[in-house]
Amino acid sequence: MPTFHLFMLEVKCFTFHWRRQMTEMYLALFRGNFIFINIFLLSSMNLTQ
């Protein structure tokens, strides 16, 4: 059954790719939130002075 083997290979590649995409998306979100929090903290510090 070579078709089944190919199908499993496809699924494996797809899951790997999808997992990498999710990780990249999560990292990008985290980085964006980190920058946003930094800006927020800096602006609040400036306001208190």
C-alpha atoms as a PDB file:
ATOM      1  CA  MET A   1       0.000   0.000   0.000  1.00  0.00           C
ATOM      2  CA  PRO A   2       2.205   2.852  -1.191  1.00  0.00           C
ATOM      3  CA  THR A   3      -0.706   5.316  -1.229  1.00  0.00           C
ATOM      4  CA  PHE A   4      -1.290   4.880   2.500  1.00  0.00           C
ATOM      5  CA  HIS A   5       2.412   5.427   3.164  1.00  0.00           C
ATOM      6  CA  LEU A   6       2.360   8.608   1.089  1.00  0.00           C
ATOM      7  CA  PHE A   7      -0.742   9.785   2.894  1.00  0.00           C
ATOM      8  CA  MET A   8       0.950   9.276   6.267  1.00  0.00           C
ATOM      9  CA  LEU A   9       3.973  11.190   5.000  1.00  0.00           C
ATOM     10  CA  GLU A  10       1.704  14.036   3.897  1.00  0.00           C
ATOM     11  CA  VAL A  11       0.015  14.138   7.293  1.00  0.00           C
ATOM     12  CA  LYS A  12       3.366  14.106   9.063  1.00  0.00           C
ATOM     13  CA  CYS A  13       4.673  16.975   6.933  1.00  0.00           C
ATOM     14  CA  PHE A  14       1.448  18.933   7.359  1.00  0.00           C
ATOM     15  CA  THR A  15       1.414  18.558  11.148  1.00  0.00           C
ATOM     16  CA  PHE A  16       5.076  19.539  11.378  1.00  0.00           C
ATOM     17  CA  HIS A  17       4.511  22.602   9.202  1.00  0.00           C
ATOM     18  CA  TRP A  18       1.354  23.576  11.100  1.00  0.00           C
ATOM     19  CA  ARG A  19       3.093  23.218  14.458  1.00  0.00           C
ATOM     20  CA  ARG A  20       5.945  25.425  13.252  1.00  0.00           C
ATOM     21  CA  GLN A  21       3.460  28.002  11.976  1.00  0.00           C
ATOM     22  CA  MET A  22       1.682  28.040  15.344  1.00  0.00           C
ATOM     23  CA  THR A  23       4.974  28.449  17.195  1.00  0.00           C
ATOM     24  CA  GLU A  24       6.000  31.338  14.935  1.00  0.00           C
ATOM     25  CA  MET A  25       2.594  32.979  15.368  1.00  0.00           C
ATOM     26  CA  TYR A  26       2.771  32.584  19.136  1.00  0.00           C
ATOM     27  CA  LEU A  27       6.284  34.043  19.236  1.00  0.00           C
ATOM     28  CA  ALA A  28       5.227  36.980  17.071  1.00  0.00           C
ATOM     29  CA  LEU A  29       2.238  37.658  19.342  1.00  0.00           C
ATOM     30  CA  PHE A  30       4.404  37.388  22.428  1.00  0.00           C
ATOM     31  CA  ARG A  31       6.969  39.778  20.941  1.00  0.00           C
ATOM     32  CA  GLY A  32       4.245  42.223  19.965  1.00  0.00           C
ATOM     33  CA  ASN A  33       2.699  42.111  23.431  1.00  0.00           C
ATOM     34  CA  PHE A  34       6.115  42.554  25.013  1.00  0.00           C
ATOM     35  CA  ILE A  35       6.766  45.699  22.942  1.00  0.00           C
ATOM     36  CA  PHE A  36       3.273  47.003  23.738  1.00  0.00           C
ATOM     37  CA  ILE A  37       3.786  46.435  27.483  1.00  0.00           C
ATOM     38  CA  ASN A  38       7.179  48.156  27.336  1.00  0.00           C
ATOM     39  CA  ILE A  39       5.659  51.204  25.623  1.00  0.00           C
ATOM     40  CA  PHE A  40       2.815  51.234  28.150  1.00  0.00           C
ATOM     41  CA  LEU A  41       5.236  51.051  31.095  1.00  0.00           C
ATOM     42  CA  LEU A  42       7.473  53.771  29.665  1.00  0.00           C
ATOM     43  CA  SER A  43       4.535  56.105  29.044  1.00  0.00           C
ATOM     44  CA  SER A  44       3.129  55.507  32.544  1.00  0.00           C
ATOM     45  CA  MET A  45       6.563  56.186  34.056  1.00  0.00           C
ATOM     46  CA  ASN A  46       6.783  59.434  32.114  1.00  0.00           C
ATOM     47  CA  LEU A  47       3.330  60.464  33.323  1.00  0.00           C
ATOM     48  CA  THR A  48       4.190  59.909  36.985  1.00  0.00           C
ATOM     49  CA  GLN A  49       7.298  62.106  36.844  1.00  0.00           C
END
